[in-house]
Amino acid sequence: PAVAVGFQPYRAVHARGGAVRETLFFVAPSSSARVAGYQLKDKAALLRSLCAEVQRLKAGRGMDTAGMQVVPLPAVVPGV
């Protein structure tokens, strides 16, 4: 099935108190020259939009992720 490029409506929430609060998912077309469905300029524009949104998120002005579906993370036990 085809997947829309860009941010997906999913997020993985990390343990409280860590440096990372959540992980967002972003789909981009392959960077391979064999992928003819997207021209280089289109791929570049998509990655520029990703970069801009990451900068907004880091500055605390990014998208509202509260409505995104939470993807559970497996429990990680240190040293195992």
PDB file of N, CA and C in Angstrom:
ATOM      1  N   PRO A   1       0.819  -1.206   0.000  1.00  0.00           N
ATOM      2  CA  PRO A   1       0.000   0.000   0.000  1.00  0.00           C
ATOM      3  C   PRO A   1       0.855   1.259   0.000  1.00  0.00           C
ATOM      4  N   ALA A   2       0.384   2.268  -0.682  1.00  0.00           N
ATOM      5  CA  ALA A   2       1.108   3.533  -0.742  1.00  0.00           C
ATOM      6  C   ALA A   2       1.007   4.248   0.598  1.00  0.00           C
ATOM      7  N   VAL A   3       2.076   4.889   0.973  1.00  0.00           N
ATOM      8  CA  VAL A   3       2.120   5.649   2.222  1.00  0.00           C
ATOM      9  C   VAL A   3       2.373   7.104   1.858  1.00  0.00           C
ATOM     10  N   ALA A   4       1.660   7.992   2.482  1.00  0.00           N
ATOM     11  CA  ALA A   4       1.863   9.415   2.232  1.00  0.00           C
ATOM     12  C   ALA A   4       3.217   9.843   2.782  1.00  0.00           C
ATOM     13  N   VAL A   5       3.914  10.684   2.036  1.00  0.00           N
ATOM     14  CA  VAL A   5       5.190  11.200   2.527  1.00  0.00           C
ATOM     15  C   VAL A   5       4.916  12.268   3.573  1.00  0.00           C
ATOM     16  N   GLY A   6       5.895  12.515   4.408  1.00  0.00           N
ATOM     17  CA  GLY A   6       5.768  13.519   5.457  1.00  0.00           C
ATOM     18  C   GLY A   6       5.585  12.875   6.817  1.00  0.00           C
ATOM     19  N   PHE A   7       5.209  13.692   7.787  1.00  0.00           N
ATOM     20  CA  PHE A   7       5.001  13.173   9.138  1.00  0.00           C
ATOM     21  C   PHE A   7       3.800  12.251   9.156  1.00  0.00           C
ATOM     22  N   GLN A   8       3.921  11.183   9.911  1.00  0.00           N
ATOM     23  CA  GLN A   8       2.849  10.211  10.059  1.00  0.00           C
ATOM     24  C   GLN A   8       2.123  10.484  11.375  1.00  0.00           C
ATOM     25  N   PRO A   9       0.874  10.044  11.501  1.00  0.00           N
ATOM     26  CA  PRO A   9       0.102  10.352  12.709  1.00  0.00           C
ATOM     27  C   PRO A   9       0.403   9.417  13.883  1.00  0.00           C
ATOM     28  N   TYR A  10       1.674   9.102  14.069  1.00  0.00           N
ATOM     29  CA  TYR A  10       2.100   8.185  15.129  1.00  0.00           C
ATOM     30  C   TYR A  10       3.238   8.817  15.917  1.00  0.00           C
ATOM     31  N   ARG A  11       3.358   8.420  17.170  1.00  0.00           N
ATOM     32  CA  ARG A  11       4.493   8.852  17.989  1.00  0.00           C
ATOM     33  C   ARG A  11       4.803   7.763  19.004  1.00  0.00           C
ATOM     34  N   ALA A  12       6.061   7.647  19.352  1.00  0.00           N
ATOM     35  CA  ALA A  12       6.499   6.740  20.410  1.00  0.00           C
ATOM     36  C   ALA A  12       6.862   7.620  21.596  1.00  0.00           C
ATOM     37  N   VAL A  13       6.278   7.330  22.746  1.00  0.00           N
ATOM     38  CA  VAL A  13       6.510   8.133  23.951  1.00  0.00           C
ATOM     39  C   VAL A  13       7.570   7.437  24.797  1.00  0.00           C
ATOM     40  N   HIS A  14       8.567   8.210  25.234  1.00  0.00           N
ATOM     41  CA  HIS A  14       9.673   7.676  26.029  1.00  0.00           C
ATOM     42  C   HIS A  14       9.427   7.907  27.515  1.00  0.00           C
ATOM     43  N   ALA A  15      10.211   7.245  28.341  1.00  0.00           N
ATOM     44  CA  ALA A  15      10.090   7.361  29.799  1.00  0.00           C
ATOM     45  C   ALA A  15      10.310   8.809  30.232  1.00  0.00           C
ATOM     46  N   ARG A  16       9.595   9.208  31.254  1.00  0.00           N
ATOM     47  CA  ARG A  16       9.730  10.565  31.786  1.00  0.00           C
ATOM     48  C   ARG A  16      11.120  10.775  32.361  1.00  0.00           C
ATOM     49  N   GLY A  17      11.579  11.999  32.260  1.00  0.00           N
ATOM     50  CA  GLY A  17      12.860  12.357  32.842  1.00  0.00           C
ATOM     51  C   GLY A  17      14.040  12.168  31.905  1.00  0.00           C
ATOM     52  N   GLY A  18      13.813  11.555  30.756  1.00  0.00           N
ATOM     53  CA  GLY A  18      14.900  11.357  29.804  1.00  0.00           C
ATOM     54  C   GLY A  18      15.084  12.567  28.905  1.00  0.00           C
ATOM     55  N   ALA A  19      16.158  12.557  28.163  1.00  0.00           N
ATOM     56  CA  ALA A  19      16.446  13.661  27.249  1.00  0.00           C
ATOM     57  C   ALA A  19      15.466  13.693  26.079  1.00  0.00           C
ATOM     58  N   VAL A  20      14.939  12.533  25.702  1.00  0.00           N
ATOM     59  CA  VAL A  20      14.009  12.433  24.575  1.00  0.00           C
ATOM     60  C   VAL A  20      12.620  12.137  25.123  1.00  0.00           C
ATOM     61  N   ARG A  21      11.649  12.962  24.767  1.00  0.00           N
ATOM     62  CA  ARG A  21      10.274  12.767  25.247  1.00  0.00           C
ATOM     63  C   ARG A  21       9.463  11.874  24.318  1.00  0.00           C
ATOM     64  N   GLU A  22       9.630  12.078  23.009  1.00  0.00           N
ATOM     65  CA  GLU A  22       8.873  11.276  22.059  1.00  0.00           C
ATOM     66  C   GLU A  22       9.620  11.197  20.739  1.00  0.00           C
ATOM     67  N   THR A  23       9.278  10.179  19.960  1.00  0.00           N
ATOM     68  CA  THR A  23       9.845  10.000  18.629  1.00  0.00           C
ATOM     69  C   THR A  23       8.710  10.112  17.627  1.00  0.00           C
ATOM     70  N   LEU A  24       8.909  10.959  16.618  1.00  0.00           N
ATOM     71  CA  LEU A  24       7.923  11.111  15.556  1.00  0.00           C
ATOM     72  C   LEU A  24       8.396  10.340  14.331  1.00  0.00           C
ATOM     73  N   PHE A  25       7.468  10.011  13.463  1.00  0.00           N
ATOM     74  CA  PHE A  25       7.779   9.224  12.269  1.00  0.00           C
ATOM     75  C   PHE A  25       7.575  10.080  11.026  1.00  0.00           C
ATOM     76  N   PHE A  26       8.566  10.071  10.141  1.00  0.00           N
ATOM     77  CA  PHE A  26       8.543  10.860   8.914  1.00  0.00           C
ATOM     78  C   PHE A  26       8.895   9.937   7.761  1.00  0.00           C
ATOM     79  N   VAL A  27       8.068   9.927   6.733  1.00  0.00           N
ATOM     80  CA  VAL A  27       8.301   9.077   5.562  1.00  0.00           C
ATOM     81  C   VAL A  27       8.796   9.950   4.415  1.00  0.00           C
ATOM     82  N   ALA A  28       9.898   9.519   3.811  1.00  0.00           N
ATOM     83  CA  ALA A  28      10.460  10.218   2.655  1.00  0.00           C
ATOM     84  C   ALA A  28      10.722   9.200   1.555  1.00  0.00           C
ATOM     85  N   PRO A  29      10.639   9.626   0.305  1.00  0.00           N
ATOM     86  CA  PRO A  29      10.965   8.703  -0.778  1.00  0.00           C
ATOM     87  C   PRO A  29      12.449   8.353  -0.735  1.00  0.00           C
ATOM     88  N   SER A  30      12.778   7.247  -1.315  1.00  0.00           N
ATOM     89  CA  SER A  30      14.169   6.813  -1.365  1.00  0.00           C
ATOM     90  C   SER A  30      15.033   7.878  -2.026  1.00  0.00           C
ATOM     91  N   SER A  31      16.255   8.002  -1.556  1.00  0.00           N
ATOM     92  CA  SER A  31      17.182   8.956  -2.165  1.00  0.00           C
ATOM     93  C   SER A  31      17.865   8.374  -3.395  1.00  0.00           C
ATOM     94  N   SER A  32      17.562   7.132  -3.714  1.00  0.00           N
ATOM     95  CA  SER A  32      18.155   6.488  -4.881  1.00  0.00           C
ATOM     96  C   SER A  32      17.714   7.186  -6.163  1.00  0.00           C
ATOM     97  N   ALA A  33      18.629   7.318  -7.087  1.00  0.00           N
ATOM     98  CA  ALA A  33      18.303   7.913  -8.389  1.00  0.00           C
ATOM     99  C   ALA A  33      17.338   7.033  -9.176  1.00  0.00           C
ATOM    100  N   ARG A  34      17.217   5.782  -8.805  1.00  0.00           N
ATOM    101  CA  ARG A  34      16.309   4.868  -9.504  1.00  0.00           C
ATOM    102  C   ARG A  34      14.839   5.138  -9.192  1.00  0.00           C
ATOM    103  N   VAL A  35      14.581   5.874  -8.138  1.00  0.00           N
ATOM    104  CA  VAL A  35      13.198   6.194  -7.786  1.00  0.00           C
ATOM    105  C   VAL A  35      12.749   7.347  -8.682  1.00  0.00           C
ATOM    106  N   ALA A  36      11.973   7.022  -9.693  1.00  0.00           N
ATOM    107  CA  ALA A  36      11.585   8.012 -10.696  1.00  0.00           C
ATOM    108  C   ALA A  36      10.324   8.776 -10.314  1.00  0.00           C
ATOM    109  N   GLY A  37       9.597   8.309  -9.311  1.00  0.00           N
ATOM    110  CA  GLY A  37       8.346   8.958  -8.935  1.00  0.00           C
ATOM    111  C   GLY A  37       8.533  10.319  -8.289  1.00  0.00           C
ATOM    112  N   TYR A  38       9.721  10.595  -7.791  1.00  0.00           N
ATOM    113  CA  TYR A  38      10.011  11.873  -7.149  1.00  0.00           C
ATOM    114  C   TYR A  38      11.284  12.436  -7.759  1.00  0.00           C
ATOM    115  N   GLN A  39      11.205  13.652  -8.219  1.00  0.00           N
ATOM    116  CA  GLN A  39      12.374  14.314  -8.775  1.00  0.00           C
ATOM    117  C   GLN A  39      13.240  14.847  -7.631  1.00  0.00           C
ATOM    118  N   LEU A  40      14.507  15.072  -7.923  1.00  0.00           N
ATOM    119  CA  LEU A  40      15.452  15.546  -6.913  1.00  0.00           C
ATOM    120  C   LEU A  40      14.949  16.813  -6.230  1.00  0.00           C
ATOM    121  N   LYS A  41      14.419  17.756  -7.000  1.00  0.00           N
ATOM    122  CA  LYS A  41      13.937  19.013  -6.401  1.00  0.00           C
ATOM    123  C   LYS A  41      12.782  18.764  -5.434  1.00  0.00           C
ATOM    124  N   ASP A  42      11.932  17.773  -5.738  1.00  0.00           N
ATOM    125  CA  ASP A  42      10.823  17.438  -4.844  1.00  0.00           C
ATOM    126  C   ASP A  42      11.332  16.801  -3.557  1.00  0.00           C
ATOM    127  N   LYS A  43      12.324  15.910  -3.687  1.00  0.00           N
ATOM    128  CA  LYS A  43      12.916  15.276  -2.504  1.00  0.00           C
ATOM    129  C   LYS A  43      13.598  16.329  -1.629  1.00  0.00           C
ATOM    130  N   ALA A  44      14.313  17.253  -2.266  1.00  0.00           N
ATOM    131  CA  ALA A  44      15.012  18.304  -1.521  1.00  0.00           C
ATOM    132  C   ALA A  44      14.021  19.193  -0.773  1.00  0.00           C
ATOM    133  N   ALA A  45      12.912  19.538  -1.414  1.00  0.00           N
ATOM    134  CA  ALA A  45      11.899  20.377  -0.767  1.00  0.00           C
ATOM    135  C   ALA A  45      11.289  19.655   0.433  1.00  0.00           C
ATOM    136  N   LEU A  46      11.051  18.363   0.289  1.00  0.00           N
ATOM    137  CA  LEU A  46      10.487  17.578   1.383  1.00  0.00           C
ATOM    138  C   LEU A  46      11.448  17.537   2.572  1.00  0.00           C
ATOM    139  N   LEU A  47      12.723  17.335   2.303  1.00  0.00           N
ATOM    140  CA  LEU A  47      13.708  17.285   3.385  1.00  0.00           C
ATOM    141  C   LEU A  47      13.917  18.660   4.018  1.00  0.00           C
ATOM    142  N   ARG A  48      13.788  19.724   3.222  1.00  0.00           N
ATOM    143  CA  ARG A  48      13.860  21.076   3.801  1.00  0.00           C
ATOM    144  C   ARG A  48      12.686  21.312   4.749  1.00  0.00           C
ATOM    145  N   SER A  49      11.504  20.822   4.364  1.00  0.00           N
ATOM    146  CA  SER A  49      10.341  20.987   5.247  1.00  0.00           C
ATOM    147  C   SER A  49      10.536  20.194   6.540  1.00  0.00           C
ATOM    148  N   LEU A  50      11.150  19.012   6.446  1.00  0.00           N
ATOM    149  CA  LEU A  50      11.460  18.227   7.643  1.00  0.00           C
ATOM    150  C   LEU A  50      12.417  19.001   8.545  1.00  0.00           C
ATOM    151  N   CYS A  51      13.459  19.541   7.963  1.00  0.00           N
ATOM    152  CA  CYS A  51      14.451  20.300   8.735  1.00  0.00           C
ATOM    153  C   CYS A  51      13.796  21.489   9.435  1.00  0.00           C
ATOM    154  N   ALA A  52      12.937  22.200   8.730  1.00  0.00           N
ATOM    155  CA  ALA A  52      12.267  23.364   9.314  1.00  0.00           C
ATOM    156  C   ALA A  52      11.365  22.948  10.476  1.00  0.00           C
ATOM    157  N   GLU A  53      10.645  21.849  10.322  1.00  0.00           N
ATOM    158  CA  GLU A  53       9.756  21.399  11.399  1.00  0.00           C
ATOM    159  C   GLU A  53      10.562  20.924  12.602  1.00  0.00           C
ATOM    160  N   VAL A  54      11.679  20.249  12.380  1.00  0.00           N
ATOM    161  CA  VAL A  54      12.536  19.814  13.490  1.00  0.00           C
ATOM    162  C   VAL A  54      13.033  21.038  14.261  1.00  0.00           C
ATOM    163  N   GLN A  55      13.416  22.083  13.549  1.00  0.00           N
ATOM    164  CA  GLN A  55      13.875  23.302  14.224  1.00  0.00           C
ATOM    165  C   GLN A  55      12.746  23.926  15.043  1.00  0.00           C
ATOM    166  N   ARG A  56      11.518  23.938  14.504  1.00  0.00           N
ATOM    167  CA  ARG A  56      10.377  24.466  15.263  1.00  0.00           C
ATOM    168  C   ARG A  56      10.113  23.613  16.503  1.00  0.00           C
ATOM    169  N   LEU A  57      10.188  22.283  16.347  1.00  0.00           N
ATOM    170  CA  LEU A  57       9.974  21.387  17.491  1.00  0.00           C
ATOM    171  C   LEU A  57      11.012  21.627  18.578  1.00  0.00           C
ATOM    172  N   LYS A  58      12.262  21.760  18.172  1.00  0.00           N
ATOM    173  CA  LYS A  58      13.336  21.995  19.144  1.00  0.00           C
ATOM    174  C   LYS A  58      13.156  23.327  19.870  1.00  0.00           C
ATOM    175  N   ALA A  59      12.550  24.291  19.189  1.00  0.00           N
ATOM    176  CA  ALA A  59      12.321  25.605  19.787  1.00  0.00           C
ATOM    177  C   ALA A  59      11.019  25.653  20.584  1.00  0.00           C
ATOM    178  N   GLY A  60      10.297  24.526  20.627  1.00  0.00           N
ATOM    179  CA  GLY A  60       9.051  24.479  21.376  1.00  0.00           C
ATOM    180  C   GLY A  60       7.858  25.048  20.636  1.00  0.00           C
ATOM    181  N   ARG A  61       7.982  25.238  19.321  1.00  0.00           N
ATOM    182  CA  ARG A  61       6.899  25.820  18.531  1.00  0.00           C
ATOM    183  C   ARG A  61       6.390  24.856  17.462  1.00  0.00           C
ATOM    184  N   GLY A  62       6.658  23.595  17.611  1.00  0.00           N
ATOM    185  CA  GLY A  62       6.299  22.620  16.582  1.00  0.00           C
ATOM    186  C   GLY A  62       4.856  22.184  16.643  1.00  0.00           C
ATOM    187  N   MET A  63       4.563  21.171  15.885  1.00  0.00           N
ATOM    188  CA  MET A  63       3.200  20.651  15.775  1.00  0.00           C
ATOM    189  C   MET A  63       2.697  20.072  17.092  1.00  0.00           C
ATOM    190  N   ASP A  64       1.394  20.053  17.233  1.00  0.00           N
ATOM    191  CA  ASP A  64       0.760  19.447  18.402  1.00  0.00           C
ATOM    192  C   ASP A  64       0.677  17.944  18.153  1.00  0.00           C
ATOM    193  N   THR A  65       1.321  17.157  18.983  1.00  0.00           N
ATOM    194  CA  THR A  65       1.362  15.703  18.791  1.00  0.00           C
ATOM    195  C   THR A  65       0.373  14.963  19.677  1.00  0.00           C
ATOM    196  N   ALA A  66      -0.417  15.697  20.462  1.00  0.00           N
ATOM    197  CA  ALA A  66      -1.322  15.061  21.423  1.00  0.00           C
ATOM    198  C   ALA A  66      -2.329  14.125  20.758  1.00  0.00           C
ATOM    199  N   GLY A  67      -2.762  14.433  19.554  1.00  0.00           N
ATOM    200  CA  GLY A  67      -3.755  13.613  18.875  1.00  0.00           C
ATOM    201  C   GLY A  67      -3.189  12.446  18.094  1.00  0.00           C
ATOM    202  N   MET A  68      -1.876  12.299  18.084  1.00  0.00           N
ATOM    203  CA  MET A  68      -1.253  11.200  17.343  1.00  0.00           C
ATOM    204  C   MET A  68      -1.408   9.883  18.096  1.00  0.00           C
ATOM    205  N   GLN A  69      -1.523   8.808  17.343  1.00  0.00           N
ATOM    206  CA  GLN A  69      -1.608   7.477  17.952  1.00  0.00           C
ATOM    207  C   GLN A  69      -0.257   7.115  18.554  1.00  0.00           C
ATOM    208  N   VAL A  70      -0.270   6.594  19.775  1.00  0.00           N
ATOM    209  CA  VAL A  70       0.970   6.213  20.458  1.00  0.00           C
ATOM    210  C   VAL A  70       1.352   4.796  20.061  1.00  0.00           C
ATOM    211  N   VAL A  71       2.590   4.644  19.606  1.00  0.00           N
ATOM    212  CA  VAL A  71       3.150   3.339  19.268  1.00  0.00           C
ATOM    213  C   VAL A  71       3.926   2.866  20.487  1.00  0.00           C
ATOM    214  N   PRO A  72       3.571   1.716  21.070  1.00  0.00           N
ATOM    215  CA  PRO A  72       4.276   1.261  22.274  1.00  0.00           C
ATOM    216  C   PRO A  72       5.720   0.862  21.972  1.00  0.00           C
ATOM    217  N   LEU A  73       6.590   1.217  22.887  1.00  0.00           N
ATOM    218  CA  LEU A  73       7.993   0.822  22.791  1.00  0.00           C
ATOM    219  C   LEU A  73       8.211  -0.419  23.641  1.00  0.00           C
ATOM    220  N   PRO A  74       9.063  -1.330  23.194  1.00  0.00           N
ATOM    221  CA  PRO A  74       9.362  -2.489  24.041  1.00  0.00           C
ATOM    222  C   PRO A  74      10.145  -2.036  25.274  1.00  0.00           C
ATOM    223  N   ALA A  75       9.931  -2.717  26.366  1.00  0.00           N
ATOM    224  CA  ALA A  75      10.668  -2.401  27.591  1.00  0.00           C
ATOM    225  C   ALA A  75      12.136  -2.747  27.387  1.00  0.00           C
ATOM    226  N   VAL A  76      12.993  -1.853  27.795  1.00  0.00           N
ATOM    227  CA  VAL A  76      14.430  -2.077  27.675  1.00  0.00           C
ATOM    228  C   VAL A  76      15.002  -2.199  29.079  1.00  0.00           C
ATOM    229  N   VAL A  77      15.664  -3.303  29.337  1.00  0.00           N
ATOM    230  CA  VAL A  77      16.276  -3.534  30.637  1.00  0.00           C
ATOM    231  C   VAL A  77      17.779  -3.344  30.475  1.00  0.00           C
ATOM    232  N   PRO A  78      18.362  -2.338  31.150  1.00  0.00           N
ATOM    233  CA  PRO A  78      19.798  -2.104  31.026  1.00  0.00           C
ATOM    234  C   PRO A  78      20.609  -3.342  31.408  1.00  0.00           C
ATOM    235  N   GLY A  79      21.638  -3.607  30.633  1.00  0.00           N
ATOM    236  CA  GLY A  79      22.541  -4.714  30.924  1.00  0.00           C
ATOM    237  C   GLY A  79      22.060  -6.070  30.452  1.00  0.00           C
ATOM    238  N   VAL A  80      20.923  -6.119  29.802  1.00  0.00           N
ATOM    239  CA  VAL A  80      20.409  -7.419  29.330  1.00  0.00           C
ATOM    240  C   VAL A  80      20.623  -7.540  27.848  1.00  0.00           C
TER     241      VAL A  80
END
